[in-house]
């Protein structure tokens, strides 16, 4: 069996493997490591291949985390006056683009996309 060269993954596909001290240079690796650890803490008996972790654990973790992030994003848009909430079925709120005088919503959306006004 051939030894791996530096930067070659265990799968031999040439993908770079994470090494100690690399997190600071690659925040995505640190974020993924935190997601894997969080999943394992929630499911201590879990075990899978790298492919399985990527396909199932990370995707599931993101789905579980998504509603809170989406709520925070929608709350921000409501606070900025870009989006409004309306009553929905079973008392659940629905969100839609706020009615605004012509051009005002578009200008506010442009400021939001460019980060101005935050």
N, C-alpha and C. Protein backbone atom coordinates (compact mmCIF):
# COMPACT_ATOMS: atom_id res chain seq x y z
N UNK A 1 0.85 -1.18 0.00
CA UNK A 1 0.00 0.00 0.00
C UNK A 1 0.89 1.24 0.00
N UNK A 2 0.66 2.16 -0.89
CA UNK A 2 1.49 3.36 -1.01
C UNK A 2 1.16 4.33 0.10
N UNK A 3 2.20 5.04 0.56
CA UNK A 3 1.98 6.05 1.58
C UNK A 3 1.39 7.28 0.93
N UNK A 4 0.59 7.99 1.72
CA UNK A 4 0.00 9.23 1.22
C UNK A 4 1.02 10.34 1.27
N UNK A 5 0.92 11.24 0.31
CA UNK A 5 1.77 12.42 0.32
C UNK A 5 1.04 13.52 1.06
N UNK A 6 1.79 14.52 1.50
CA UNK A 6 1.17 15.63 2.22
C UNK A 6 0.10 16.27 1.35
N UNK A 7 -1.07 16.51 1.94
CA UNK A 7 -2.16 17.13 1.20
C UNK A 7 -3.07 16.13 0.54
N UNK A 8 -2.69 14.86 0.49
CA UNK A 8 -3.54 13.86 -0.15
C UNK A 8 -4.45 13.26 0.90
N UNK A 9 -5.73 13.12 0.56
CA UNK A 9 -6.69 12.57 1.51
C UNK A 9 -6.56 11.06 1.57
N UNK A 10 -7.19 10.48 2.60
CA UNK A 10 -7.17 9.03 2.78
C UNK A 10 -7.83 8.33 1.61
N UNK A 11 -8.74 9.01 0.93
CA UNK A 11 -9.42 8.39 -0.21
C UNK A 11 -8.56 8.41 -1.46
N UNK A 12 -7.45 9.19 -1.39
CA UNK A 12 -6.55 9.25 -2.54
C UNK A 12 -7.06 10.11 -3.67
N UNK A 13 -8.09 10.94 -3.37
CA UNK A 13 -8.67 11.74 -4.45
C UNK A 13 -7.97 13.08 -4.64
N UNK A 14 -6.90 13.31 -3.87
CA UNK A 14 -6.16 14.56 -4.01
C UNK A 14 -6.72 15.69 -3.18
N UNK A 15 -7.87 15.48 -2.52
CA UNK A 15 -8.44 16.52 -1.68
C UNK A 15 -7.54 16.73 -0.48
N UNK A 16 -7.41 17.97 -0.07
CA UNK A 16 -6.53 18.27 1.05
C UNK A 16 -7.15 17.80 2.35
N UNK A 17 -6.36 17.15 3.19
CA UNK A 17 -6.83 16.69 4.49
C UNK A 17 -6.58 17.79 5.51
N UNK A 18 -7.45 17.85 6.52
CA UNK A 18 -7.27 18.83 7.59
C UNK A 18 -6.08 18.41 8.45
N UNK A 19 -5.27 19.37 8.84
CA UNK A 19 -4.14 19.12 9.71
C UNK A 19 -4.23 20.06 10.90
N UNK A 20 -3.64 19.69 12.04
CA UNK A 20 -3.67 20.58 13.20
C UNK A 20 -3.16 21.96 12.84
N UNK A 21 -3.81 22.97 13.38
CA UNK A 21 -3.40 24.35 13.12
C UNK A 21 -3.96 24.92 11.83
N UNK A 22 -4.68 24.11 11.07
CA UNK A 22 -5.19 24.56 9.77
C UNK A 22 -6.50 25.32 9.91
N UNK A 23 -7.22 25.16 11.03
CA UNK A 23 -8.53 25.76 11.21
C UNK A 23 -8.51 27.28 11.04
N UNK A 24 -7.50 27.94 11.58
CA UNK A 24 -7.45 29.40 11.51
C UNK A 24 -7.39 29.86 10.07
N UNK A 25 -6.72 29.12 9.22
CA UNK A 25 -6.60 29.50 7.82
C UNK A 25 -7.83 29.08 7.00
N UNK A 26 -8.58 28.12 7.52
CA UNK A 26 -9.74 27.60 6.79
C UNK A 26 -10.95 27.53 7.72
N UNK A 27 -11.68 28.65 7.88
CA UNK A 27 -12.81 28.67 8.80
C UNK A 27 -13.89 27.65 8.43
N UNK A 28 -14.00 27.30 7.17
CA UNK A 28 -14.99 26.30 6.75
C UNK A 28 -14.69 24.94 7.38
N UNK A 29 -13.42 24.59 7.50
CA UNK A 29 -13.04 23.33 8.12
C UNK A 29 -13.41 23.35 9.60
N UNK A 30 -13.16 24.46 10.26
CA UNK A 30 -13.51 24.59 11.68
C UNK A 30 -15.03 24.49 11.85
N UNK A 31 -15.79 25.09 10.96
CA UNK A 31 -17.25 25.05 11.04
C UNK A 31 -17.76 23.63 10.82
N UNK A 32 -17.19 22.94 9.84
CA UNK A 32 -17.60 21.56 9.58
C UNK A 32 -17.24 20.65 10.75
N UNK A 33 -16.05 20.85 11.33
CA UNK A 33 -15.64 20.05 12.48
C UNK A 33 -16.63 20.25 13.63
N UNK A 34 -17.06 21.49 13.84
CA UNK A 34 -18.03 21.77 14.90
C UNK A 34 -19.36 21.08 14.62
N UNK A 35 -19.79 21.06 13.35
CA UNK A 35 -21.03 20.40 12.98
C UNK A 35 -20.96 18.89 13.21
N UNK A 36 -19.83 18.28 12.84
CA UNK A 36 -19.66 16.84 13.06
C UNK A 36 -19.70 16.54 14.55
N UNK A 37 -18.99 17.32 15.34
CA UNK A 37 -18.96 17.10 16.78
C UNK A 37 -20.35 17.29 17.40
N UNK A 38 -21.07 18.30 16.97
CA UNK A 38 -22.43 18.54 17.48
C UNK A 38 -23.33 17.35 17.14
N UNK A 39 -23.21 16.84 15.92
CA UNK A 39 -24.01 15.68 15.52
C UNK A 39 -23.68 14.47 16.40
N UNK A 40 -22.39 14.22 16.60
CA UNK A 40 -21.98 13.08 17.41
C UNK A 40 -22.44 13.21 18.87
N UNK A 41 -22.46 14.41 19.38
CA UNK A 41 -22.95 14.60 20.75
C UNK A 41 -24.45 14.34 20.83
N UNK A 42 -25.18 14.68 19.80
CA UNK A 42 -26.63 14.41 19.76
C UNK A 42 -26.93 12.94 19.48
N UNK A 43 -26.00 12.27 18.78
CA UNK A 43 -26.17 10.87 18.38
C UNK A 43 -24.89 10.10 18.71
N UNK A 44 -24.64 9.84 20.01
CA UNK A 44 -23.36 9.26 20.41
C UNK A 44 -23.06 7.89 19.83
N UNK A 45 -24.03 7.14 19.37
CA UNK A 45 -23.78 5.83 18.80
C UNK A 45 -23.55 5.86 17.30
N UNK A 46 -23.55 7.05 16.70
CA UNK A 46 -23.42 7.18 15.24
C UNK A 46 -22.00 6.88 14.78
N UNK A 47 -21.89 6.30 13.59
CA UNK A 47 -20.60 6.06 12.93
C UNK A 47 -20.86 6.00 11.43
N UNK A 48 -20.00 6.61 10.63
CA UNK A 48 -20.21 6.60 9.19
C UNK A 48 -18.91 6.93 8.47
N UNK A 49 -18.92 6.75 7.17
CA UNK A 49 -17.79 7.12 6.32
C UNK A 49 -17.80 8.63 6.10
N UNK A 50 -16.73 9.17 5.57
CA UNK A 50 -16.69 10.60 5.25
C UNK A 50 -17.84 10.95 4.30
N UNK A 51 -18.07 10.09 3.31
CA UNK A 51 -19.16 10.36 2.37
C UNK A 51 -20.51 10.37 3.08
N UNK A 52 -20.71 9.42 3.99
CA UNK A 52 -21.96 9.37 4.75
C UNK A 52 -22.11 10.57 5.66
N UNK A 53 -21.02 10.97 6.30
CA UNK A 53 -21.07 12.16 7.16
C UNK A 53 -21.47 13.38 6.34
N UNK A 54 -20.85 13.56 5.19
CA UNK A 54 -21.17 14.71 4.34
C UNK A 54 -22.62 14.67 3.87
N UNK A 55 -23.05 13.50 3.41
CA UNK A 55 -24.39 13.39 2.82
C UNK A 55 -25.50 13.42 3.86
N UNK A 56 -25.29 12.76 5.00
CA UNK A 56 -26.37 12.60 5.98
C UNK A 56 -26.21 13.47 7.21
N UNK A 57 -25.07 13.42 7.87
CA UNK A 57 -24.93 14.15 9.13
C UNK A 57 -24.94 15.65 8.93
N UNK A 58 -24.09 16.12 8.02
CA UNK A 58 -23.98 17.57 7.83
C UNK A 58 -25.30 18.12 7.29
N UNK A 59 -25.87 17.44 6.31
CA UNK A 59 -27.15 17.90 5.76
C UNK A 59 -28.22 17.92 6.84
N UNK A 60 -28.30 16.87 7.65
CA UNK A 60 -29.31 16.80 8.72
C UNK A 60 -29.07 17.91 9.75
N UNK A 61 -27.82 18.11 10.13
CA UNK A 61 -27.49 19.14 11.10
C UNK A 61 -27.93 20.51 10.59
N UNK A 62 -27.67 20.77 9.33
CA UNK A 62 -28.06 22.07 8.77
C UNK A 62 -29.57 22.22 8.71
N UNK A 63 -30.27 21.14 8.38
CA UNK A 63 -31.73 21.21 8.38
C UNK A 63 -32.28 21.49 9.78
N UNK A 64 -31.68 20.88 10.79
CA UNK A 64 -32.11 21.10 12.17
C UNK A 64 -31.82 22.53 12.61
N UNK A 65 -30.73 23.10 12.15
CA UNK A 65 -30.34 24.45 12.54
C UNK A 65 -31.04 25.53 11.72
N UNK A 66 -31.55 25.19 10.56
CA UNK A 66 -32.07 26.17 9.62
C UNK A 66 -33.25 27.00 10.13
N UNK A 67 -34.29 26.42 10.75
CA UNK A 67 -35.42 27.25 11.15
C UNK A 67 -35.04 28.43 12.04
N UNK A 68 -34.15 28.25 12.97
CA UNK A 68 -33.74 29.36 13.83
C UNK A 68 -33.03 30.46 13.06
N UNK A 69 -32.18 30.06 12.12
CA UNK A 69 -31.47 31.05 11.31
C UNK A 69 -32.44 31.79 10.38
N UNK A 70 -33.37 31.04 9.81
CA UNK A 70 -34.36 31.67 8.92
C UNK A 70 -35.21 32.65 9.72
N UNK A 71 -35.62 32.26 10.94
CA UNK A 71 -36.42 33.16 11.78
C UNK A 71 -35.65 34.44 12.06
N UNK A 72 -34.37 34.32 12.39
CA UNK A 72 -33.55 35.51 12.67
C UNK A 72 -33.45 36.40 11.43
N UNK A 73 -33.29 35.79 10.26
CA UNK A 73 -33.19 36.56 9.01
C UNK A 73 -34.51 37.27 8.71
N UNK A 74 -35.62 36.56 8.88
CA UNK A 74 -36.94 37.15 8.62
C UNK A 74 -37.21 38.27 9.63
N UNK A 75 -36.87 38.05 10.89
CA UNK A 75 -37.04 39.10 11.91
C UNK A 75 -36.28 40.35 11.53
N UNK A 76 -35.07 40.17 11.00
CA UNK A 76 -34.26 41.32 10.57
C UNK A 76 -34.94 42.06 9.43
N UNK A 77 -35.47 41.32 8.46
CA UNK A 77 -36.16 41.95 7.33
C UNK A 77 -37.42 42.68 7.78
N UNK A 78 -38.14 42.12 8.75
CA UNK A 78 -39.32 42.78 9.31
C UNK A 78 -38.90 44.07 10.00
N UNK A 79 -37.86 44.01 10.82
CA UNK A 79 -37.36 45.18 11.55
C UNK A 79 -36.92 46.29 10.59
N UNK A 80 -36.41 45.90 9.43
CA UNK A 80 -35.96 46.87 8.43
C UNK A 80 -37.11 47.39 7.59
N UNK A 81 -38.30 46.84 7.79
CA UNK A 81 -39.47 47.30 7.05
C UNK A 81 -39.58 46.77 5.64
N UNK A 82 -38.79 45.75 5.31
CA UNK A 82 -38.81 45.18 3.97
C UNK A 82 -39.87 44.09 3.82
N UNK A 83 -40.17 43.41 4.91
CA UNK A 83 -41.08 42.27 4.91
C UNK A 83 -42.10 42.50 6.02
N UNK A 84 -43.31 41.99 5.81
CA UNK A 84 -44.33 42.08 6.86
C UNK A 84 -44.91 40.70 7.11
N UNK A 85 -45.47 40.52 8.31
CA UNK A 85 -46.08 39.24 8.65
C UNK A 85 -47.60 39.38 8.56
N UNK A 86 -48.24 38.27 8.21
CA UNK A 86 -49.70 38.21 8.16
C UNK A 86 -50.13 36.93 8.85
N UNK A 87 -51.38 36.92 9.32
CA UNK A 87 -51.91 35.71 9.94
C UNK A 87 -52.03 34.60 8.93
N UNK A 88 -51.84 33.39 9.38
CA UNK A 88 -51.94 32.24 8.49
C UNK A 88 -52.76 31.14 9.13
N UNK A 89 -52.79 30.00 8.49
CA UNK A 89 -53.53 28.85 8.99
C UNK A 89 -52.98 28.43 10.35
N UNK A 90 -53.85 28.04 11.24
CA UNK A 90 -53.49 27.54 12.57
C UNK A 90 -52.67 28.55 13.37
N UNK A 91 -52.89 29.84 13.10
CA UNK A 91 -52.20 30.88 13.86
C UNK A 91 -50.74 31.07 13.52
N UNK A 92 -50.25 30.40 12.49
CA UNK A 92 -48.84 30.54 12.10
C UNK A 92 -48.69 31.75 11.21
N UNK A 93 -47.66 32.53 11.47
CA UNK A 93 -47.41 33.73 10.67
C UNK A 93 -46.88 33.36 9.29
N UNK A 94 -47.26 34.18 8.34
CA UNK A 94 -46.71 34.08 6.98
C UNK A 94 -46.05 35.41 6.69
N UNK A 95 -45.01 35.38 5.89
CA UNK A 95 -44.24 36.59 5.60
C UNK A 95 -44.30 36.90 4.12
N UNK A 96 -44.35 38.20 3.82
CA UNK A 96 -44.40 38.64 2.43
C UNK A 96 -43.71 39.99 2.31
N UNK A 97 -43.42 40.36 1.07
CA UNK A 97 -42.82 41.65 0.80
C UNK A 97 -43.78 42.73 1.25
N UNK A 98 -43.29 43.70 1.98
CA UNK A 98 -44.12 44.77 2.51
C UNK A 98 -44.55 45.70 1.38
N UNK A 99 -45.81 46.09 1.41
CA UNK A 99 -46.29 47.10 0.48
C UNK A 99 -45.61 48.42 0.84
N UNK A 100 -45.00 49.05 -0.14
CA UNK A 100 -44.30 50.30 0.11
C UNK A 100 -44.54 51.22 -1.06
N UNK A 101 -44.42 52.52 -0.81
CA UNK A 101 -44.53 53.44 -1.93
C UNK A 101 -43.54 53.06 -3.03
N UNK A 102 -43.91 53.33 -4.26
CA UNK A 102 -43.10 52.95 -5.42
C UNK A 102 -41.64 53.30 -5.24
N UNK A 103 -40.78 52.29 -5.42
CA UNK A 103 -39.34 52.50 -5.36
C UNK A 103 -38.73 52.38 -3.98
N UNK A 104 -39.52 52.62 -2.91
CA UNK A 104 -38.96 52.59 -1.56
C UNK A 104 -38.49 51.19 -1.18
N UNK A 105 -39.30 50.16 -1.48
CA UNK A 105 -38.91 48.79 -1.13
C UNK A 105 -37.67 48.37 -1.91
N UNK A 106 -37.62 48.74 -3.19
CA UNK A 106 -36.46 48.37 -4.00
C UNK A 106 -35.20 49.03 -3.47
N UNK A 107 -35.29 50.30 -3.07
CA UNK A 107 -34.13 51.00 -2.54
C UNK A 107 -33.69 50.38 -1.22
N UNK A 108 -34.67 50.04 -0.36
CA UNK A 108 -34.33 49.41 0.91
C UNK A 108 -33.69 48.05 0.69
N UNK A 109 -34.21 47.29 -0.27
CA UNK A 109 -33.63 45.98 -0.57
C UNK A 109 -32.21 46.12 -1.09
N UNK A 110 -31.96 47.13 -1.91
CA UNK A 110 -30.61 47.37 -2.42
C UNK A 110 -29.67 47.72 -1.26
N UNK A 111 -30.13 48.54 -0.32
CA UNK A 111 -29.29 48.89 0.84
C UNK A 111 -29.00 47.63 1.65
N UNK A 112 -30.00 46.76 1.80
CA UNK A 112 -29.81 45.54 2.57
C UNK A 112 -28.78 44.63 1.90
N UNK A 113 -28.84 44.48 0.59
CA UNK A 113 -27.91 43.61 -0.13
C UNK A 113 -26.49 44.12 -0.07
N UNK A 114 -26.31 45.42 -0.05
CA UNK A 114 -24.96 45.98 -0.03
C UNK A 114 -24.44 46.14 1.38
N UNK A 115 -25.31 45.88 2.38
CA UNK A 115 -24.89 45.98 3.77
C UNK A 115 -25.02 47.37 4.33
N UNK A 116 -25.48 48.32 3.56
CA UNK A 116 -25.67 49.67 4.06
C UNK A 116 -26.87 49.70 4.99
N UNK A 117 -26.79 50.47 6.04
CA UNK A 117 -27.89 50.61 6.96
C UNK A 117 -27.91 49.56 8.03
N UNK A 118 -26.93 48.66 8.10
CA UNK A 118 -26.88 47.65 9.16
C UNK A 118 -26.20 48.21 10.38
